[in-house]
Amino acid sequence: MKKQISNEEIIQLVSKQWCSTKDIQKLANVGIRQARIIKEQICNELKSKGFIVPPFVVPTELVVKKLSIDIDFIKSFTKKSQD
Protein backbone atom coordinates (compact mmCIF):
# COMPACT_ATOMS: atom_id res chain seq x y z
CA MET A 1 0.00 0.00 0.00
CA LYS A 2 1.07 3.53 -0.76
CA LYS A 3 0.89 6.47 1.63
CA GLN A 4 -2.72 7.64 1.88
CA ILE A 5 -3.28 11.21 0.74
CA SER A 6 -5.13 13.85 2.75
CA ASN A 7 -8.67 15.00 2.07
CA GLU A 8 -7.30 18.34 0.89
CA GLU A 9 -5.14 16.53 -1.68
CA ILE A 10 -8.13 14.50 -2.83
CA ILE A 11 -10.19 17.68 -3.32
CA GLN A 12 -7.31 19.26 -5.24
CA LEU A 13 -6.99 16.23 -7.55
CA VAL A 14 -10.71 15.84 -8.25
CA SER A 15 -10.95 19.56 -9.02
CA LYS A 16 -8.89 19.03 -12.16
CA GLN A 17 -10.57 18.29 -15.48
CA TRP A 18 -8.22 15.44 -16.40
CA CYS A 19 -6.48 12.70 -14.38
CA SER A 20 -3.12 11.22 -15.24
CA THR A 21 -1.96 7.76 -14.22
CA LYS A 22 -0.12 9.38 -11.29
CA ASP A 23 -3.32 11.09 -10.16
CA ILE A 24 -5.23 7.80 -10.32
CA GLN A 25 -2.43 6.14 -8.39
CA LYS A 26 -2.81 8.70 -5.59
CA LEU A 27 -6.63 8.69 -5.55
CA ALA A 28 -6.95 4.90 -5.56
CA ASN A 29 -3.93 4.34 -3.28
CA VAL A 30 -2.53 1.75 -5.66
CA GLY A 31 0.68 1.10 -7.53
CA ILE A 32 1.46 2.32 -11.02
CA ARG A 33 0.43 -0.97 -12.65
CA GLN A 34 -3.05 -0.97 -11.12
CA ALA A 35 -3.48 2.73 -11.91
CA ARG A 36 -2.70 2.01 -15.57
CA ILE A 37 -5.29 -0.77 -15.57
CA ILE A 38 -7.93 1.60 -14.17
CA LYS A 39 -7.03 4.26 -16.74
CA GLU A 40 -7.15 1.70 -19.54
CA GLN A 41 -10.61 0.52 -18.44
CA ILE A 42 -11.90 4.09 -18.54
CA CYS A 43 -10.29 4.66 -21.96
CA ASN A 44 -11.87 1.49 -23.33
CA GLU A 45 -15.31 2.51 -22.03
CA LEU A 46 -14.99 5.89 -23.75
CA LYS A 47 -13.69 4.41 -27.01
CA SER A 48 -16.55 1.89 -27.09
CA LYS A 49 -18.95 4.85 -26.96
CA GLY A 50 -17.18 6.50 -29.88
CA PHE A 51 -15.20 9.13 -27.98
CA ILE A 52 -11.66 10.08 -28.88
CA VAL A 53 -9.46 9.77 -25.80
CA PRO A 54 -6.32 11.83 -25.19
CA PRO A 55 -3.24 9.60 -24.88
CA PHE A 56 -2.13 10.36 -21.32
CA VAL A 57 -5.21 11.43 -19.38
CA VAL A 58 -8.83 10.52 -18.71
CA PRO A 59 -11.72 12.69 -17.49
CA THR A 60 -11.57 13.14 -13.72
CA GLU A 61 -15.35 12.77 -13.52
CA LEU A 62 -15.07 9.18 -14.73
CA VAL A 63 -12.22 8.40 -12.35
CA VAL A 64 -14.31 9.69 -9.44
CA LYS A 65 -17.25 7.55 -10.59
CA LYS A 66 -15.10 4.43 -11.13
CA LEU A 67 -13.48 4.75 -7.70
CA SER A 68 -16.79 5.69 -6.00
CA ILE A 69 -15.30 8.80 -4.43
CA ASP A 70 -17.90 10.72 -2.44
CA ILE A 71 -16.71 14.29 -2.99
CA ASP A 72 -19.46 15.87 -0.86
CA PHE A 73 -18.54 13.65 2.09
CA ILE A 74 -14.85 14.47 1.75
CA LYS A 75 -15.60 18.19 1.51
CA SER A 76 -17.82 18.09 4.60
CA PHE A 77 -15.23 16.08 6.50
CA THR A 78 -12.52 18.56 5.47
CA LYS A 79 -14.62 21.52 6.62
CA LYS A 80 -15.23 19.88 10.01
CA SER A 81 -11.52 19.29 10.55
CA GLN A 82 -10.80 22.96 9.77
CA ASP A 83 -13.31 24.19 12.38
PDB file of N, CA and C in Angstrom:
ATOM      1  N   MET A   1       0.826  -1.190   0.000  1.00  0.00           N
ATOM      2  CA  MET A   1       0.000   0.000   0.000  1.00  0.00           C
ATOM      3  C   MET A   1       0.868   1.250   0.000  1.00  0.00           C
ATOM      4  N   LYS A   2       0.398   2.231  -0.693  1.00  0.00           N
ATOM      5  CA  LYS A   2       1.068   3.527  -0.760  1.00  0.00           C
ATOM      6  C   LYS A   2       0.598   4.398   0.397  1.00  0.00           C
ATOM      7  N   LYS A   3       1.276   5.510   0.605  1.00  0.00           N
ATOM      8  CA  LYS A   3       0.887   6.471   1.627  1.00  0.00           C
ATOM      9  C   LYS A   3      -0.449   7.094   1.237  1.00  0.00           C
ATOM     10  N   GLN A   4      -1.397   7.074   2.150  1.00  0.00           N
ATOM     11  CA  GLN A   4      -2.715   7.638   1.881  1.00  0.00           C
ATOM     12  C   GLN A   4      -2.616   9.156   1.821  1.00  0.00           C
ATOM     13  N   ILE A   5      -3.323   9.756   0.890  1.00  0.00           N
ATOM     14  CA  ILE A   5      -3.277  11.211   0.741  1.00  0.00           C
ATOM     15  C   ILE A   5      -4.361  11.853   1.607  1.00  0.00           C
ATOM     16  N   SER A   6      -4.175  13.131   1.895  1.00  0.00           N
ATOM     17  CA  SER A   6      -5.130  13.852   2.748  1.00  0.00           C
ATOM     18  C   SER A   6      -6.393  14.213   1.965  1.00  0.00           C
ATOM     19  N   ASN A   7      -7.423  14.571   2.709  1.00  0.00           N
ATOM     20  CA  ASN A   7      -8.673  15.001   2.075  1.00  0.00           C
ATOM     21  C   ASN A   7      -8.456  16.231   1.215  1.00  0.00           C
ATOM     22  N   GLU A   8      -7.605  17.133   1.658  1.00  0.00           N
ATOM     23  CA  GLU A   8      -7.302  18.335   0.887  1.00  0.00           C
ATOM     24  C   GLU A   8      -6.668  17.971  -0.451  1.00  0.00           C
ATOM     25  N   GLU A   9      -5.776  16.986  -0.441  1.00  0.00           N
ATOM     26  CA  GLU A   9      -5.139  16.534  -1.678  1.00  0.00           C
ATOM     27  C   GLU A   9      -6.152  15.882  -2.613  1.00  0.00           C
ATOM     28  N   ILE A  10      -7.077  15.132  -2.030  1.00  0.00           N
ATOM     29  CA  ILE A  10      -8.133  14.502  -2.834  1.00  0.00           C
ATOM     30  C   ILE A  10      -8.968  15.582  -3.521  1.00  0.00           C
ATOM     31  N   ILE A  11      -9.384  16.590  -2.760  1.00  0.00           N
ATOM     32  CA  ILE A  11     -10.187  17.681  -3.318  1.00  0.00           C
ATOM     33  C   ILE A  11      -9.426  18.375  -4.435  1.00  0.00           C
ATOM     34  N   GLN A  12      -8.141  18.603  -4.221  1.00  0.00           N
ATOM     35  CA  GLN A  12      -7.315  19.258  -5.240  1.00  0.00           C
ATOM     36  C   GLN A  12      -7.252  18.413  -6.513  1.00  0.00           C
ATOM     37  N   LEU A  13      -7.083  17.107  -6.373  1.00  0.00           N
ATOM     38  CA  LEU A  13      -6.988  16.227  -7.547  1.00  0.00           C
ATOM     39  C   LEU A  13      -8.314  16.128  -8.298  1.00  0.00           C
ATOM     40  N   VAL A  14      -9.418  16.001  -7.570  1.00  0.00           N
ATOM     41  CA  VAL A  14     -10.708  15.843  -8.248  1.00  0.00           C
ATOM     42  C   VAL A  14     -11.236  17.161  -8.807  1.00  0.00           C
ATOM     43  N   SER A  15     -10.564  18.264  -8.480  1.00  0.00           N
ATOM     44  CA  SER A  15     -10.951  19.565  -9.022  1.00  0.00           C
ATOM     45  C   SER A  15     -10.397  19.783 -10.426  1.00  0.00           C
ATOM     46  N   LYS A  16      -9.474  18.928 -10.830  1.00  0.00           N
ATOM     47  CA  LYS A  16      -8.891  19.030 -12.161  1.00  0.00           C
ATOM     48  C   LYS A  16      -9.838  18.416 -13.195  1.00  0.00           C
ATOM     49  N   GLN A  17      -9.718  18.844 -14.425  1.00  0.00           N
ATOM     50  CA  GLN A  17     -10.574  18.293 -15.479  1.00  0.00           C
ATOM     51  C   GLN A  17     -10.102  16.904 -15.922  1.00  0.00           C
ATOM     52  N   TRP A  18      -8.801  16.686 -15.905  1.00  0.00           N
ATOM     53  CA  TRP A  18      -8.219  15.439 -16.396  1.00  0.00           C
ATOM     54  C   TRP A  18      -7.350  14.786 -15.326  1.00  0.00           C
ATOM     55  N   CYS A  19      -7.328  13.461 -15.309  1.00  0.00           N
ATOM     56  CA  CYS A  19      -6.478  12.704 -14.382  1.00  0.00           C
ATOM     57  C   CYS A  19      -5.423  11.926 -15.161  1.00  0.00           C
ATOM     58  N   SER A  20      -4.210  12.015 -14.683  1.00  0.00           N
ATOM     59  CA  SER A  20      -3.122  11.221 -15.238  1.00  0.00           C
ATOM     60  C   SER A  20      -3.045   9.890 -14.477  1.00  0.00           C
ATOM     61  N   THR A  21      -2.175   9.034 -14.923  1.00  0.00           N
ATOM     62  CA  THR A  21      -1.964   7.763 -14.224  1.00  0.00           C
ATOM     63  C   THR A  21      -1.488   8.033 -12.798  1.00  0.00           C
ATOM     64  N   LYS A  22      -0.617   9.014 -12.631  1.00  0.00           N
ATOM     65  CA  LYS A  22      -0.116   9.380 -11.294  1.00  0.00           C
ATOM     66  C   LYS A  22      -1.255   9.837 -10.393  1.00  0.00           C
ATOM     67  N   ASP A  23      -2.172  10.625 -10.939  1.00  0.00           N
ATOM     68  CA  ASP A  23      -3.325  11.089 -10.162  1.00  0.00           C
ATOM     69  C   ASP A  23      -4.187   9.908  -9.722  1.00  0.00           C
ATOM     70  N   ILE A  24      -4.432   8.996 -10.638  1.00  0.00           N
ATOM     71  CA  ILE A  24      -5.231   7.800 -10.319  1.00  0.00           C
ATOM     72  C   ILE A  24      -4.528   6.978  -9.250  1.00  0.00           C
ATOM     73  N   GLN A  25      -3.230   6.876  -9.370  1.00  0.00           N
ATOM     74  CA  GLN A  25      -2.435   6.136  -8.391  1.00  0.00           C
ATOM     75  C   GLN A  25      -2.636   6.718  -6.985  1.00  0.00           C
ATOM     76  N   LYS A  26      -2.622   8.039  -6.884  1.00  0.00           N
ATOM     77  CA  LYS A  26      -2.814   8.696  -5.590  1.00  0.00           C
ATOM     78  C   LYS A  26      -4.246   8.532  -5.082  1.00  0.00           C
ATOM     79  N   LEU A  27      -5.228   8.763  -5.967  1.00  0.00           N
ATOM     80  CA  LEU A  27      -6.633   8.689  -5.552  1.00  0.00           C
ATOM     81  C   LEU A  27      -7.043   7.282  -5.133  1.00  0.00           C
ATOM     82  N   ALA A  28      -6.558   6.278  -5.844  1.00  0.00           N
ATOM     83  CA  ALA A  28      -6.948   4.897  -5.560  1.00  0.00           C
ATOM     84  C   ALA A  28      -6.032   4.227  -4.541  1.00  0.00           C
ATOM     85  N   ASN A  29      -4.908   4.903  -4.206  1.00  0.00           N
ATOM     86  CA  ASN A  29      -3.934   4.343  -3.276  1.00  0.00           C
ATOM     87  C   ASN A  29      -3.433   2.976  -3.760  1.00  0.00           C
ATOM     88  N   VAL A  30      -3.023   2.969  -5.037  1.00  0.00           N
ATOM     89  CA  VAL A  30      -2.527   1.746  -5.660  1.00  0.00           C
ATOM     90  C   VAL A  30      -1.190   2.018  -6.343  1.00  0.00           C
ATOM     91  N   GLY A  31      -0.572   0.971  -6.806  1.00  0.00           N
ATOM     92  CA  GLY A  31       0.677   1.102  -7.535  1.00  0.00           C
ATOM     93  C   GLY A  31       0.436   1.547  -8.971  1.00  0.00           C
ATOM     94  N   ILE A  32       1.537   1.818  -9.655  1.00  0.00           N
ATOM     95  CA  ILE A  32       1.463   2.322 -11.023  1.00  0.00           C
ATOM     96  C   ILE A  32       0.785   1.322 -11.966  1.00  0.00           C
ATOM     97  N   ARG A  33       1.028   0.062 -11.775  1.00  0.00           N
ATOM     98  CA  ARG A  33       0.433  -0.967 -12.651  1.00  0.00           C
ATOM     99  C   ARG A  33      -1.091  -0.982 -12.546  1.00  0.00           C
ATOM    100  N   GLN A  34      -1.595  -0.958 -11.318  1.00  0.00           N
ATOM    101  CA  GLN A  34      -3.052  -0.974 -11.121  1.00  0.00           C
ATOM    102  C   GLN A  34      -3.676   0.324 -11.613  1.00  0.00           C
ATOM    103  N   ALA A  35      -2.973   1.435 -11.420  1.00  0.00           N
ATOM    104  CA  ALA A  35      -3.480   2.727 -11.909  1.00  0.00           C
ATOM    105  C   ALA A  35      -3.598   2.716 -13.426  1.00  0.00           C
ATOM    106  N   ARG A  36      -2.635   2.110 -14.099  1.00  0.00           N
ATOM    107  CA  ARG A  36      -2.697   2.007 -15.569  1.00  0.00           C
ATOM    108  C   ARG A  36      -3.880   1.149 -16.007  1.00  0.00           C
ATOM    109  N   ILE A  37      -4.156   0.102 -15.257  1.00  0.00           N
ATOM    110  CA  ILE A  37      -5.293  -0.768 -15.575  1.00  0.00           C
ATOM    111  C   ILE A  37      -6.602   0.018 -15.446  1.00  0.00           C
ATOM    112  N   ILE A  38      -6.733   0.783 -14.371  1.00  0.00           N
ATOM    113  CA  ILE A  38      -7.935   1.602 -14.165  1.00  0.00           C
ATOM    114  C   ILE A  38      -8.087   2.603 -15.301  1.00  0.00           C
ATOM    115  N   LYS A  39      -6.994   3.273 -15.654  1.00  0.00           N
ATOM    116  CA  LYS A  39      -7.028   4.257 -16.741  1.00  0.00           C
ATOM    117  C   LYS A  39      -7.404   3.585 -18.059  1.00  0.00           C
ATOM    118  N   GLU A  40      -6.850   2.429 -18.308  1.00  0.00           N
ATOM    119  CA  GLU A  40      -7.149   1.696 -19.543  1.00  0.00           C
ATOM    120  C   GLU A  40      -8.626   1.293 -19.601  1.00  0.00           C
ATOM    121  N   GLN A  41      -9.190   0.880 -18.476  1.00  0.00           N
ATOM    122  CA  GLN A  41     -10.605   0.516 -18.435  1.00  0.00           C
ATOM    123  C   GLN A  41     -11.478   1.717 -18.792  1.00  0.00           C
ATOM    124  N   ILE A  42     -11.135   2.869 -18.239  1.00  0.00           N
ATOM    125  CA  ILE A  42     -11.905   4.085 -18.537  1.00  0.00           C
ATOM    126  C   ILE A  42     -11.749   4.450 -20.012  1.00  0.00           C
ATOM    127  N   CYS A  43     -10.528   4.371 -20.535  1.00  0.00           N
ATOM    128  CA  CYS A  43     -10.286   4.658 -21.960  1.00  0.00           C
ATOM    129  C   CYS A  43     -11.107   3.731 -22.849  1.00  0.00           C
ATOM    130  N   ASN A  44     -11.120   2.454 -22.530  1.00  0.00           N
ATOM    131  CA  ASN A  44     -11.872   1.486 -23.329  1.00  0.00           C
ATOM    132  C   ASN A  44     -13.367   1.765 -23.306  1.00  0.00           C
ATOM    133  N   GLU A  45     -13.886   2.168 -22.133  1.00  0.00           N
ATOM    134  CA  GLU A  45     -15.306   2.512 -22.035  1.00  0.00           C
ATOM    135  C   GLU A  45     -15.625   3.695 -22.949  1.00  0.00           C
ATOM    136  N   LEU A  46     -14.767   4.702 -22.923  1.00  0.00           N
ATOM    137  CA  LEU A  46     -14.990   5.887 -23.754  1.00  0.00           C
ATOM    138  C   LEU A  46     -14.890   5.557 -25.238  1.00  0.00           C
ATOM    139  N   LYS A  47     -13.882   4.783 -25.601  1.00  0.00           N
ATOM    140  CA  LYS A  47     -13.693   4.409 -27.010  1.00  0.00           C
ATOM    141  C   LYS A  47     -14.867   3.592 -27.525  1.00  0.00           C
ATOM    142  N   SER A  48     -15.410   2.717 -26.668  1.00  0.00           N
ATOM    143  CA  SER A  48     -16.548   1.889 -27.092  1.00  0.00           C
ATOM    144  C   SER A  48     -17.796   2.730 -27.336  1.00  0.00           C
ATOM    145  N   LYS A  49     -17.834   3.928 -26.747  1.00  0.00           N
ATOM    146  CA  LYS A  49     -18.951   4.847 -26.956  1.00  0.00           C
ATOM    147  C   LYS A  49     -18.664   5.837 -28.083  1.00  0.00           C
ATOM    148  N   GLY A  50     -17.511   5.675 -28.730  1.00  0.00           N
ATOM    149  CA  GLY A  50     -17.184   6.503 -29.878  1.00  0.00           C
ATOM    150  C   GLY A  50     -16.398   7.770 -29.577  1.00  0.00           C
ATOM    151  N   PHE A  51     -15.965   7.934 -28.338  1.00  0.00           N
ATOM    152  CA  PHE A  51     -15.198   9.128 -27.980  1.00  0.00           C
ATOM    153  C   PHE A  51     -13.729   8.961 -28.357  1.00  0.00           C
ATOM    154  N   ILE A  52     -13.098  10.071 -28.661  1.00  0.00           N
ATOM    155  CA  ILE A  52     -11.660  10.084 -28.878  1.00  0.00           C
ATOM    156  C   ILE A  52     -11.026  10.417 -27.536  1.00  0.00           C
ATOM    157  N   VAL A  53     -10.059   9.615 -27.119  1.00  0.00           N
ATOM    158  CA  VAL A  53      -9.460   9.768 -25.800  1.00  0.00           C
ATOM    159  C   VAL A  53      -8.030  10.290 -25.929  1.00  0.00           C
ATOM    160  N   PRO A  54      -7.697  11.354 -25.171  1.00  0.00           N
ATOM    161  CA  PRO A  54      -6.318  11.829 -25.186  1.00  0.00           C
ATOM    162  C   PRO A  54      -5.371  10.711 -24.713  1.00  0.00           C
ATOM    163  N   PRO A  55      -4.138  10.721 -25.169  1.00  0.00           N
ATOM    164  CA  PRO A  55      -3.236   9.598 -24.880  1.00  0.00           C
ATOM    165  C   PRO A  55      -2.806   9.429 -23.429  1.00  0.00           C
ATOM    166  N   PHE A  56      -2.720  10.497 -22.640  1.00  0.00           N
ATOM    167  CA  PHE A  56      -2.127  10.360 -21.318  1.00  0.00           C
ATOM    168  C   PHE A  56      -3.052  10.677 -20.154  1.00  0.00           C
ATOM    169  N   VAL A  57      -4.287  11.051 -20.446  1.00  0.00           N
ATOM    170  CA  VAL A  57      -5.210  11.433 -19.381  1.00  0.00           C
ATOM    171  C   VAL A  57      -6.619  10.912 -19.660  1.00  0.00           C
ATOM    172  N   VAL A  58      -7.416  10.875 -18.595  1.00  0.00           N
ATOM    173  CA  VAL A  58      -8.831  10.518 -18.712  1.00  0.00           C
ATOM    174  C   VAL A  58      -9.636  11.547 -17.916  1.00  0.00           C
ATOM    175  N   PRO A  59     -10.911  11.715 -18.223  1.00  0.00           N
ATOM    176  CA  PRO A  59     -11.722  12.686 -17.486  1.00  0.00           C
ATOM    177  C   PRO A  59     -11.802  12.346 -15.993  1.00  0.00           C
ATOM    178  N   THR A  60     -11.549  13.338 -15.174  1.00  0.00           N
ATOM    179  CA  THR A  60     -11.570  13.137 -13.723  1.00  0.00           C
ATOM    180  C   THR A  60     -12.939  12.654 -13.258  1.00  0.00           C
ATOM    181  N   GLU A  61     -13.978  13.172 -13.886  1.00  0.00           N
ATOM    182  CA  GLU A  61     -15.352  12.774 -13.523  1.00  0.00           C
ATOM    183  C   GLU A  61     -15.522  11.255 -13.588  1.00  0.00           C
ATOM    184  N   LEU A  62     -14.951  10.634 -14.596  1.00  0.00           N
ATOM    185  CA  LEU A  62     -15.073   9.180 -14.734  1.00  0.00           C
ATOM    186  C   LEU A  62     -14.204   8.434 -13.732  1.00  0.00           C
ATOM    187  N   VAL A  63     -13.075   9.002 -13.375  1.00  0.00           N
ATOM    188  CA  VAL A  63     -12.220   8.396 -12.348  1.00  0.00           C
ATOM    189  C   VAL A  63     -12.955   8.418 -11.007  1.00  0.00           C
ATOM    190  N   VAL A  64     -13.553   9.558 -10.687  1.00  0.00           N
ATOM    191  CA  VAL A  64     -14.311   9.689  -9.438  1.00  0.00           C
ATOM    192  C   VAL A  64     -15.441   8.666  -9.397  1.00  0.00           C
ATOM    193  N   LYS A  65     -16.133   8.523 -10.505  1.00  0.00           N
ATOM    194  CA  LYS A  65     -17.245   7.554 -10.585  1.00  0.00           C
ATOM    195  C   LYS A  65     -16.722   6.122 -10.443  1.00  0.00           C
ATOM    196  N   LYS A  66     -15.655   5.797 -11.159  1.00  0.00           N
ATOM    197  CA  LYS A  66     -15.096   4.435 -11.130  1.00  0.00           C
ATOM    198  C   LYS A  66     -14.617   4.062  -9.732  1.00  0.00           C
ATOM    199  N   LEU A  67     -14.015   5.024  -9.028  1.00  0.00           N
ATOM    200  CA  LEU A  67     -13.476   4.748  -7.696  1.00  0.00           C
ATOM    201  C   LEU A  67     -14.500   4.983  -6.586  1.00  0.00           C
ATOM    202  N   SER A  68     -15.708   5.406  -6.962  1.00  0.00           N
ATOM    203  CA  SER A  68     -16.792   5.688  -6.004  1.00  0.00           C
ATOM    204  C   SER A  68     -16.340   6.667  -4.925  1.00  0.00           C
ATOM    205  N   ILE A  69     -15.742   7.766  -5.365  1.00  0.00           N
ATOM    206  CA  ILE A  69     -15.295   8.796  -4.429  1.00  0.00           C
ATOM    207  C   ILE A  69     -16.473   9.722  -4.140  1.00  0.00           C
ATOM    208  N   ASP A  70     -16.805   9.858  -2.874  1.00  0.00           N
ATOM    209  CA  ASP A  70     -17.904  10.722  -2.443  1.00  0.00           C
ATOM    210  C   ASP A  70     -17.327  12.101  -2.125  1.00  0.00           C
ATOM    211  N   ILE A  71     -17.331  12.969  -3.117  1.00  0.00           N
ATOM    212  CA  ILE A  71     -16.709  14.290  -2.985  1.00  0.00           C
ATOM    213  C   ILE A  71     -17.409  15.118  -1.913  1.00  0.00           C
ATOM    214  N   ASP A  72     -18.729  15.081  -1.857  1.00  0.00           N
ATOM    215  CA  ASP A  72     -19.462  15.867  -0.857  1.00  0.00           C
ATOM    216  C   ASP A  72     -19.078  15.447   0.563  1.00  0.00           C
ATOM    217  N   PHE A  73     -18.943  14.149   0.779  1.00  0.00           N
ATOM    218  CA  PHE A  73     -18.543  13.648   2.093  1.00  0.00           C
ATOM    219  C   PHE A  73     -17.141  14.138   2.452  1.00  0.00           C
ATOM    220  N   ILE A  74     -16.230  14.039   1.499  1.00  0.00           N
ATOM    221  CA  ILE A  74     -14.853  14.472   1.751  1.00  0.00           C
ATOM    222  C   ILE A  74     -14.808  15.964   2.034  1.00  0.00           C
ATOM    223  N   LYS A  75     -15.563  16.742   1.275  1.00  0.00           N
ATOM    224  CA  LYS A  75     -15.602  18.192   1.514  1.00  0.00           C
ATOM    225  C   LYS A  75     -16.166  18.499   2.898  1.00  0.00           C
ATOM    226  N   SER A  76     -17.230  17.827   3.282  1.00  0.00           N
ATOM    227  CA  SER A  76     -17.823  18.085   4.601  1.00  0.00           C
ATOM    228  C   SER A  76     -16.871  17.648   5.709  1.00  0.00           C
ATOM    229  N   PHE A  77     -16.192  16.564   5.520  1.00  0.00           N
ATOM    230  CA  PHE A  77     -15.228  16.080   6.503  1.00  0.00           C
ATOM    231  C   PHE A  77     -14.063  17.052   6.613  1.00  0.00           C
ATOM    232  N   THR A  78     -13.622  17.600   5.494  1.00  0.00           N
ATOM    233  CA  THR A  78     -12.517  18.557   5.471  1.00  0.00           C
ATOM    234  C   THR A  78     -12.914  19.841   6.178  1.00  0.00           C
ATOM    235  N   LYS A  79     -14.146  20.307   5.964  1.00  0.00           N
ATOM    236  CA  LYS A  79     -14.620  21.524   6.620  1.00  0.00           C
ATOM    237  C   LYS A  79     -14.678  21.334   8.138  1.00  0.00           C
ATOM    238  N   LYS A  80     -15.137  20.148   8.586  1.00  0.00           N
ATOM    239  CA  LYS A  80     -15.230  19.879  10.014  1.00  0.00           C
ATOM    240  C   LYS A  80     -13.849  19.885  10.674  1.00  0.00           C
ATOM    241  N   SER A  81     -12.863  19.351   9.971  1.00  0.00           N
ATOM    242  CA  SER A  81     -11.523  19.287  10.547  1.00  0.00           C
ATOM    243  C   SER A  81     -10.861  20.669  10.592  1.00  0.00           C
ATOM    244  N   GLN A  82     -11.347  21.597   9.765  1.00  0.00           N
ATOM    245  CA  GLN A  82     -10.801  22.957   9.769  1.00  0.00           C
ATOM    246  C   GLN A  82     -11.433  23.818  10.855  1.00  0.00           C
ATOM    247  N   ASP A  83     -12.615  23.418  11.335  1.00  0.00           N
ATOM    248  CA  ASP A  83     -13.312  24.194  12.377  1.00  0.00           C
ATOM    249  C   ASP A  83     -12.648  24.032  13.729  1.00  0.00           C
TER     250      ASP A  83
END
